[in-house]
Amino acid sequence: MSDWKLPWDAACLCGQVKMRITAPPMVAMACHCRACQRHSSSAYSLTLMIPADSFEVVEGAPVIGGLHRDQLQHSFCPHCKNWLFTRPQGRPFVNFRPTMLEDASWVQPYVESCVEDRLPGAVTGAKHSFEGFPPADRYADLMEGYAREGAKP
């Protein structure tokens, strides 16, 4: 039995792009890298890693923006310009911005990355911290830990 209350509905600030999530997140992360700081206009970006086949845009048409790199497609609302999600090419997940959820009050990062770039005072409460990005061989353990210990709505 799942503790998750799904599906979740989400929308950008203006409501022109609506999204739905039908499976639990794989992990919640905060990234302190300079690119995420600039991209989000904040101390860090907050992400829920969602299985790609459990995420859909149900209304509106996001546009690609941000760094315009082939390996990462950052999607934005064409009207209000909210950063909504990122699709890493060739990966089975979407990095979703949880502040777009109808209720994001429960979201807390389980992992924080790029703490070498962390701004003073940017405290996330994450259980696991990495100077750079977590090594690829750590993701399975981090996802298992999040499934057991991570915050749930």
N, C-alpha and C. Protein backbone atom coordinates (compact mmCIF):
# COMPACT_ATOMS: atom_id res chain seq x y z
N MET A 1 0.84 -1.19 0.00
CA MET A 1 0.00 0.00 0.00
C MET A 1 0.88 1.24 0.00
N SER A 2 0.50 2.24 -0.75
CA SER A 2 1.29 3.45 -0.89
C SER A 2 0.81 4.54 0.06
N ASP A 3 1.76 5.28 0.63
CA ASP A 3 1.44 6.42 1.48
C ASP A 3 1.16 7.67 0.65
N TRP A 4 1.40 7.60 -0.63
CA TRP A 4 1.26 8.76 -1.50
C TRP A 4 -0.19 8.96 -1.89
N LYS A 5 -0.61 10.21 -1.85
CA LYS A 5 -1.97 10.57 -2.25
C LYS A 5 -1.91 11.13 -3.68
N LEU A 6 -2.05 10.23 -4.64
CA LEU A 6 -1.93 10.57 -6.05
C LEU A 6 -3.27 10.40 -6.75
N PRO A 7 -3.47 11.00 -7.91
CA PRO A 7 -2.55 11.84 -8.68
C PRO A 7 -2.46 13.25 -8.10
N TRP A 8 -1.42 13.97 -8.55
CA TRP A 8 -1.23 15.38 -8.18
C TRP A 8 -1.45 16.23 -9.41
N ASP A 9 -2.11 17.36 -9.20
CA ASP A 9 -2.25 18.34 -10.26
C ASP A 9 -1.33 19.51 -9.98
N ALA A 10 -0.87 20.12 -11.04
CA ALA A 10 0.08 21.23 -10.92
C ALA A 10 -0.20 22.22 -12.04
N ALA A 11 0.23 23.45 -11.83
CA ALA A 11 0.06 24.49 -12.85
C ALA A 11 1.11 25.56 -12.64
N CYS A 12 1.39 26.27 -13.72
CA CYS A 12 2.30 27.41 -13.65
C CYS A 12 1.58 28.57 -12.95
N LEU A 13 2.27 29.66 -12.76
CA LEU A 13 1.73 30.82 -12.06
C LEU A 13 0.46 31.36 -12.70
N CYS A 14 0.44 31.45 -14.02
CA CYS A 14 -0.74 32.02 -14.69
C CYS A 14 -1.81 30.97 -14.98
N GLY A 15 -1.49 29.69 -14.84
CA GLY A 15 -2.46 28.63 -15.05
C GLY A 15 -2.64 28.16 -16.48
N GLN A 16 -1.84 28.68 -17.41
CA GLN A 16 -1.99 28.27 -18.80
C GLN A 16 -1.39 26.91 -19.10
N VAL A 17 -0.42 26.47 -18.28
CA VAL A 17 0.15 25.13 -18.42
C VAL A 17 -0.22 24.34 -17.19
N LYS A 18 -0.90 23.21 -17.42
CA LYS A 18 -1.31 22.34 -16.33
C LYS A 18 -0.66 20.98 -16.51
N MET A 19 -0.28 20.36 -15.41
CA MET A 19 0.43 19.10 -15.43
C MET A 19 -0.20 18.13 -14.44
N ARG A 20 0.08 16.83 -14.63
CA ARG A 20 -0.41 15.80 -13.72
C ARG A 20 0.70 14.79 -13.48
N ILE A 21 0.78 14.36 -12.23
CA ILE A 21 1.75 13.34 -11.81
C ILE A 21 0.96 12.18 -11.23
N THR A 22 1.27 10.96 -11.69
CA THR A 22 0.49 9.79 -11.28
C THR A 22 1.30 8.73 -10.53
N ALA A 23 2.58 8.98 -10.29
CA ALA A 23 3.41 8.03 -9.53
C ALA A 23 4.26 8.82 -8.54
N PRO A 24 4.67 8.19 -7.45
CA PRO A 24 5.49 8.87 -6.47
C PRO A 24 6.82 9.33 -7.04
N PRO A 25 7.37 10.40 -6.49
CA PRO A 25 8.70 10.83 -6.92
C PRO A 25 9.76 9.80 -6.55
N MET A 26 10.80 9.77 -7.33
CA MET A 26 11.92 8.86 -7.07
C MET A 26 12.81 9.44 -5.98
N VAL A 27 12.95 10.77 -5.95
CA VAL A 27 13.75 11.45 -4.94
C VAL A 27 13.45 12.95 -5.03
N ALA A 28 13.66 13.65 -3.93
CA ALA A 28 13.55 15.12 -3.88
C ALA A 28 14.96 15.68 -3.69
N MET A 29 15.32 16.65 -4.52
CA MET A 29 16.69 17.18 -4.48
C MET A 29 16.70 18.70 -4.53
N ALA A 30 17.74 19.26 -3.95
CA ALA A 30 18.04 20.69 -4.08
C ALA A 30 19.41 20.79 -4.73
N CYS A 31 19.52 21.61 -5.76
CA CYS A 31 20.80 21.80 -6.44
C CYS A 31 21.27 23.23 -6.20
N HIS A 32 22.49 23.36 -5.68
CA HIS A 32 23.08 24.66 -5.38
C HIS A 32 24.01 25.18 -6.46
N CYS A 33 24.10 24.49 -7.60
CA CYS A 33 25.07 24.92 -8.62
C CYS A 33 24.73 26.33 -9.11
N ARG A 34 25.72 27.01 -9.62
CA ARG A 34 25.53 28.39 -10.08
C ARG A 34 24.51 28.46 -11.22
N ALA A 35 24.48 27.47 -12.09
CA ALA A 35 23.50 27.47 -13.17
C ALA A 35 22.08 27.42 -12.61
N CYS A 36 21.83 26.56 -11.62
CA CYS A 36 20.49 26.48 -11.02
C CYS A 36 20.17 27.76 -10.24
N GLN A 37 21.16 28.34 -9.58
CA GLN A 37 20.91 29.61 -8.89
C GLN A 37 20.45 30.67 -9.87
N ARG A 38 21.13 30.78 -10.97
CA ARG A 38 20.78 31.80 -11.96
C ARG A 38 19.47 31.45 -12.67
N HIS A 39 19.31 30.17 -12.97
CA HIS A 39 18.12 29.70 -13.69
C HIS A 39 16.85 29.93 -12.87
N SER A 40 16.94 29.69 -11.56
CA SER A 40 15.76 29.80 -10.70
C SER A 40 15.64 31.16 -10.03
N SER A 41 16.67 32.00 -10.16
CA SER A 41 16.71 33.29 -9.45
C SER A 41 16.55 33.07 -7.95
N SER A 42 17.21 32.03 -7.45
CA SER A 42 17.09 31.65 -6.04
C SER A 42 18.40 31.05 -5.57
N ALA A 43 18.44 30.67 -4.31
CA ALA A 43 19.65 30.09 -3.74
C ALA A 43 19.92 28.68 -4.27
N TYR A 44 18.85 27.98 -4.66
CA TYR A 44 18.98 26.64 -5.22
C TYR A 44 17.70 26.29 -5.98
N SER A 45 17.78 25.26 -6.82
CA SER A 45 16.57 24.76 -7.48
C SER A 45 16.09 23.54 -6.72
N LEU A 46 14.79 23.42 -6.61
CA LEU A 46 14.15 22.31 -5.92
C LEU A 46 13.51 21.41 -6.97
N THR A 47 13.74 20.11 -6.86
CA THR A 47 13.31 19.15 -7.87
C THR A 47 12.69 17.91 -7.25
N LEU A 48 11.62 17.44 -7.86
CA LEU A 48 11.14 16.08 -7.62
C LEU A 48 11.45 15.30 -8.89
N MET A 49 12.18 14.20 -8.75
CA MET A 49 12.48 13.35 -9.89
C MET A 49 11.28 12.40 -10.05
N ILE A 50 10.58 12.55 -11.18
CA ILE A 50 9.34 11.81 -11.44
C ILE A 50 9.57 10.83 -12.59
N PRO A 51 9.08 9.59 -12.48
CA PRO A 51 9.18 8.69 -13.63
C PRO A 51 8.53 9.35 -14.86
N ALA A 52 9.22 9.33 -15.97
CA ALA A 52 8.76 10.05 -17.18
C ALA A 52 7.37 9.61 -17.62
N ASP A 53 7.07 8.32 -17.50
CA ASP A 53 5.77 7.85 -17.96
C ASP A 53 4.64 8.17 -16.97
N SER A 54 4.97 8.81 -15.87
CA SER A 54 3.97 9.20 -14.86
C SER A 54 3.78 10.71 -14.80
N PHE A 55 4.34 11.41 -15.76
CA PHE A 55 4.24 12.86 -15.81
C PHE A 55 3.66 13.25 -17.16
N GLU A 56 2.68 14.16 -17.13
CA GLU A 56 2.14 14.64 -18.41
C GLU A 56 1.70 16.09 -18.30
N VAL A 57 1.82 16.77 -19.40
CA VAL A 57 1.26 18.11 -19.55
C VAL A 57 -0.16 17.87 -20.06
N VAL A 58 -1.16 18.32 -19.29
CA VAL A 58 -2.55 18.06 -19.66
C VAL A 58 -3.22 19.27 -20.32
N GLU A 59 -2.59 20.43 -20.22
CA GLU A 59 -3.13 21.62 -20.87
C GLU A 59 -2.01 22.60 -21.12
N GLY A 60 -2.05 23.27 -22.25
CA GLY A 60 -1.04 24.25 -22.59
C GLY A 60 0.13 23.62 -23.33
N ALA A 61 1.05 24.46 -23.75
CA ALA A 61 2.20 24.01 -24.53
C ALA A 61 3.46 24.69 -24.01
N PRO A 62 4.20 24.01 -23.12
CA PRO A 62 5.46 24.59 -22.64
C PRO A 62 6.44 24.83 -23.78
N VAL A 63 7.34 25.76 -23.55
CA VAL A 63 8.40 26.05 -24.52
C VAL A 63 9.75 25.73 -23.88
N ILE A 64 10.72 25.43 -24.73
CA ILE A 64 12.07 25.15 -24.25
C ILE A 64 12.77 26.49 -24.01
N GLY A 65 13.45 26.59 -22.88
CA GLY A 65 14.18 27.81 -22.56
C GLY A 65 15.40 27.48 -21.74
N GLY A 66 15.94 28.46 -21.08
CA GLY A 66 17.11 28.24 -20.24
C GLY A 66 18.36 28.10 -21.06
N LEU A 67 19.11 27.06 -20.79
CA LEU A 67 20.43 26.89 -21.40
C LEU A 67 20.39 26.36 -22.82
N HIS A 68 19.25 25.85 -23.30
CA HIS A 68 19.11 25.35 -24.67
C HIS A 68 20.20 24.33 -25.01
N ARG A 69 20.39 23.38 -24.12
CA ARG A 69 21.35 22.31 -24.38
C ARG A 69 20.60 21.07 -24.82
N ASP A 70 21.18 20.31 -25.74
CA ASP A 70 20.54 19.10 -26.22
C ASP A 70 20.27 18.10 -25.11
N GLN A 71 21.20 17.98 -24.16
CA GLN A 71 21.07 16.95 -23.13
C GLN A 71 20.06 17.31 -22.03
N LEU A 72 19.69 18.57 -21.89
CA LEU A 72 18.71 19.01 -20.89
C LEU A 72 17.73 19.97 -21.54
N GLN A 73 16.47 19.59 -21.57
CA GLN A 73 15.45 20.47 -22.12
C GLN A 73 14.65 21.07 -20.96
N HIS A 74 14.90 22.34 -20.68
CA HIS A 74 14.20 23.06 -19.62
C HIS A 74 12.90 23.61 -20.20
N SER A 75 11.78 23.27 -19.59
CA SER A 75 10.47 23.68 -20.11
C SER A 75 9.85 24.78 -19.26
N PHE A 76 9.31 25.77 -19.94
CA PHE A 76 8.75 26.97 -19.31
C PHE A 76 7.35 27.24 -19.85
N CYS A 77 6.56 27.96 -19.08
CA CYS A 77 5.29 28.48 -19.59
C CYS A 77 5.62 29.62 -20.54
N PRO A 78 5.01 29.63 -21.74
CA PRO A 78 5.31 30.70 -22.67
C PRO A 78 4.74 32.06 -22.24
N HIS A 79 3.80 32.05 -21.32
CA HIS A 79 3.18 33.31 -20.90
C HIS A 79 3.82 33.88 -19.63
N CYS A 80 3.81 33.10 -18.52
CA CYS A 80 4.34 33.64 -17.25
C CYS A 80 5.82 33.35 -17.06
N LYS A 81 6.38 32.49 -17.91
CA LYS A 81 7.82 32.18 -17.91
C LYS A 81 8.28 31.33 -16.72
N ASN A 82 7.35 30.70 -15.99
CA ASN A 82 7.75 29.79 -14.91
C ASN A 82 8.58 28.64 -15.47
N TRP A 83 9.64 28.27 -14.73
CA TRP A 83 10.42 27.07 -15.04
C TRP A 83 9.62 25.92 -14.46
N LEU A 84 9.12 25.02 -15.30
CA LEU A 84 8.19 23.97 -14.89
C LEU A 84 8.85 22.62 -14.65
N PHE A 85 9.68 22.20 -15.58
CA PHE A 85 10.31 20.89 -15.49
C PHE A 85 11.46 20.83 -16.47
N THR A 86 12.30 19.81 -16.29
CA THR A 86 13.43 19.56 -17.17
C THR A 86 13.41 18.10 -17.58
N ARG A 87 13.61 17.86 -18.86
CA ARG A 87 13.70 16.50 -19.38
C ARG A 87 15.15 16.22 -19.76
N PRO A 88 15.86 15.44 -18.92
CA PRO A 88 17.21 15.01 -19.32
C PRO A 88 17.09 13.96 -20.43
N GLN A 89 17.69 14.22 -21.56
CA GLN A 89 17.58 13.33 -22.71
C GLN A 89 18.15 11.95 -22.40
N GLY A 90 17.41 10.93 -22.82
CA GLY A 90 17.85 9.55 -22.63
C GLY A 90 17.65 9.03 -21.22
N ARG A 91 16.97 9.77 -20.37
CA ARG A 91 16.74 9.34 -18.99
C ARG A 91 15.26 9.04 -18.78
N PRO A 92 14.93 8.08 -17.91
CA PRO A 92 13.52 7.70 -17.72
C PRO A 92 12.78 8.54 -16.68
N PHE A 93 13.21 9.78 -16.50
CA PHE A 93 12.57 10.62 -15.49
C PHE A 93 12.49 12.06 -15.97
N VAL A 94 11.67 12.83 -15.27
CA VAL A 94 11.52 14.26 -15.48
C VAL A 94 11.86 14.93 -14.17
N ASN A 95 12.63 16.00 -14.21
CA ASN A 95 12.91 16.80 -13.02
C ASN A 95 11.84 17.89 -12.94
N PHE A 96 10.89 17.69 -12.06
CA PHE A 96 9.72 18.54 -11.94
C PHE A 96 9.93 19.56 -10.82
N ARG A 97 9.50 20.80 -11.05
CA ARG A 97 9.58 21.85 -10.04
C ARG A 97 8.37 21.76 -9.12
N PRO A 98 8.56 21.25 -7.90
CA PRO A 98 7.42 20.96 -7.02
C PRO A 98 6.62 22.18 -6.57
N THR A 99 7.17 23.38 -6.71
CA THR A 99 6.40 24.57 -6.34
C THR A 99 5.23 24.78 -7.28
N MET A 100 5.15 24.03 -8.37
CA MET A 100 4.01 24.10 -9.28
C MET A 100 2.83 23.26 -8.77
N LEU A 101 3.05 22.39 -7.78
CA LEU A 101 1.98 21.56 -7.22
C LEU A 101 0.92 22.43 -6.55
N GLU A 102 -0.30 21.93 -6.54
CA GLU A 102 -1.36 22.64 -5.82
C GLU A 102 -0.99 22.79 -4.35
N ASP A 103 -0.36 21.76 -3.77
CA ASP A 103 0.11 21.82 -2.39
C ASP A 103 1.54 21.29 -2.34
N ALA A 104 2.49 22.19 -2.19
CA ALA A 104 3.90 21.80 -2.11
C ALA A 104 4.43 21.93 -0.68
N SER A 105 3.55 22.12 0.28
CA SER A 105 3.97 22.39 1.66
C SER A 105 4.75 21.24 2.29
N TRP A 106 4.63 20.06 1.77
CA TRP A 106 5.28 18.88 2.33
C TRP A 106 6.67 18.62 1.74
N VAL A 107 7.00 19.28 0.63
CA VAL A 107 8.23 18.96 -0.11
C VAL A 107 9.46 19.42 0.66
N GLN A 108 10.37 18.48 0.89
CA GLN A 108 11.65 18.79 1.51
C GLN A 108 12.73 17.98 0.80
N PRO A 109 13.84 18.62 0.45
CA PRO A 109 14.89 17.86 -0.23
C PRO A 109 15.46 16.75 0.66
N TYR A 110 15.66 15.61 0.06
CA TYR A 110 16.31 14.48 0.71
C TYR A 110 17.80 14.49 0.40
N VAL A 111 18.13 15.05 -0.76
CA VAL A 111 19.51 15.14 -1.25
C VAL A 111 19.76 16.58 -1.68
N GLU A 112 20.97 17.08 -1.40
CA GLU A 112 21.39 18.36 -1.96
C GLU A 112 22.71 18.15 -2.69
N SER A 113 22.82 18.79 -3.84
CA SER A 113 24.02 18.64 -4.66
C SER A 113 24.69 19.99 -4.84
N CYS A 114 25.95 19.91 -5.25
CA CYS A 114 26.77 21.09 -5.55
C CYS A 114 26.86 22.05 -4.35
N VAL A 115 27.00 21.48 -3.16
CA VAL A 115 27.10 22.33 -1.97
C VAL A 115 28.37 23.18 -1.98
N GLU A 116 29.32 22.85 -2.85
CA GLU A 116 30.51 23.69 -2.99
C GLU A 116 30.13 25.09 -3.47
N ASP A 117 28.97 25.23 -4.13
CA ASP A 117 28.49 26.52 -4.62
C ASP A 117 27.38 27.12 -3.74
N ARG A 118 27.07 26.46 -2.64
CA ARG A 118 25.96 26.90 -1.79
C ARG A 118 26.19 28.33 -1.30
N LEU A 119 25.15 29.14 -1.35
CA LEU A 119 25.21 30.50 -0.84
C LEU A 119 25.12 30.49 0.69
N PRO A 120 25.77 31.42 1.36
CA PRO A 120 25.68 31.47 2.82
C PRO A 120 24.22 31.57 3.24
N GLY A 121 23.86 30.79 4.23
CA GLY A 121 22.51 30.82 4.75
C GLY A 121 21.52 29.96 4.01
N ALA A 122 21.91 29.33 2.90
CA ALA A 122 21.01 28.47 2.14
C ALA A 122 21.01 27.08 2.76
N VAL A 123 20.09 26.86 3.67
CA VAL A 123 19.99 25.60 4.39
C VAL A 123 18.76 24.86 3.89
N THR A 124 18.93 23.60 3.50
CA THR A 124 17.81 22.83 2.94
C THR A 124 17.25 21.79 3.90
N GLY A 125 18.04 21.34 4.86
CA GLY A 125 17.61 20.25 5.71
C GLY A 125 17.75 18.88 5.07
N ALA A 126 18.41 18.80 3.93
CA ALA A 126 18.58 17.53 3.23
C ALA A 126 19.39 16.56 4.08
N LYS A 127 19.03 15.29 4.00
CA LYS A 127 19.72 14.25 4.76
C LYS A 127 21.09 13.91 4.15
N HIS A 128 21.21 14.06 2.83
CA HIS A 128 22.46 13.72 2.13
C HIS A 128 22.96 14.93 1.36
N SER A 129 24.25 15.22 1.49
CA SER A 129 24.87 16.36 0.81
C SER A 129 26.07 15.89 0.00
N PHE A 130 26.23 16.51 -1.17
CA PHE A 130 27.35 16.18 -2.05
C PHE A 130 28.00 17.47 -2.52
N GLU A 131 29.33 17.48 -2.53
CA GLU A 131 30.07 18.66 -2.99
C GLU A 131 29.71 19.00 -4.44
N GLY A 132 29.62 17.98 -5.27
CA GLY A 132 29.20 18.14 -6.67
C GLY A 132 27.87 17.43 -6.84
N PHE A 133 27.73 16.73 -7.96
CA PHE A 133 26.54 15.92 -8.17
C PHE A 133 26.77 14.54 -7.56
N PRO A 134 25.73 13.88 -7.08
CA PRO A 134 25.93 12.53 -6.53
C PRO A 134 26.51 11.61 -7.60
N PRO A 135 27.43 10.75 -7.23
CA PRO A 135 27.95 9.79 -8.20
C PRO A 135 26.81 8.88 -8.69
N ALA A 136 26.88 8.47 -9.94
CA ALA A 136 25.83 7.65 -10.55
C ALA A 136 25.54 6.39 -9.73
N ASP A 137 26.57 5.80 -9.12
CA ASP A 137 26.35 4.57 -8.37
C ASP A 137 25.65 4.78 -7.02
N ARG A 138 25.39 6.02 -6.64
CA ARG A 138 24.69 6.31 -5.37
C ARG A 138 23.19 6.49 -5.55
N TYR A 139 22.74 6.74 -6.78
CA TYR A 139 21.32 7.07 -6.99
C TYR A 139 20.37 5.97 -6.53
N ALA A 140 20.68 4.71 -6.78
CA ALA A 140 19.78 3.63 -6.36
C ALA A 140 19.57 3.65 -4.85
N ASP A 141 20.67 3.79 -4.08
CA ASP A 141 20.55 3.85 -2.62
C ASP A 141 19.78 5.09 -2.17
N LEU A 142 20.04 6.23 -2.81
CA LEU A 142 19.35 7.46 -2.45
C LEU A 142 17.85 7.35 -2.72
N MET A 143 17.48 6.74 -3.84
CA MET A 143 16.07 6.57 -4.17
C MET A 143 15.39 5.59 -3.21
N GLU A 144 16.09 4.52 -2.84
CA GLU A 144 15.54 3.57 -1.87
C GLU A 144 15.34 4.25 -0.52
N GLY A 145 16.32 5.05 -0.09
CA GLY A 145 16.19 5.76 1.17
C GLY A 145 15.05 6.76 1.14
N TYR A 146 14.89 7.46 0.03
CA TYR A 146 13.80 8.42 -0.08
C TYR A 146 12.43 7.72 -0.02
N ALA A 147 12.34 6.56 -0.66
CA ALA A 147 11.07 5.81 -0.62
C ALA A 147 10.70 5.44 0.83
N ARG A 148 11.71 5.16 1.65
CA ARG A 148 11.46 4.80 3.06
C ARG A 148 11.28 6.02 3.94
N GLU A 149 12.14 7.03 3.77
CA GLU A 149 12.27 8.11 4.75
C GLU A 149 11.84 9.48 4.28
N GLY A 150 11.61 9.64 2.98
CA GLY A 150 11.32 10.97 2.45
C GLY A 150 9.96 11.51 2.88
N ALA A 151 9.82 12.82 2.83
CA ALA A 151 8.57 13.48 3.17
C ALA A 151 7.47 13.07 2.19
N LYS A 152 6.27 12.90 2.70
CA LYS A 152 5.12 12.55 1.86
C LYS A 152 3.96 13.48 2.22
N PRO A 153 3.12 13.77 1.23
CA PRO A 153 1.97 14.64 1.55
C PRO A 153 0.93 13.94 2.42
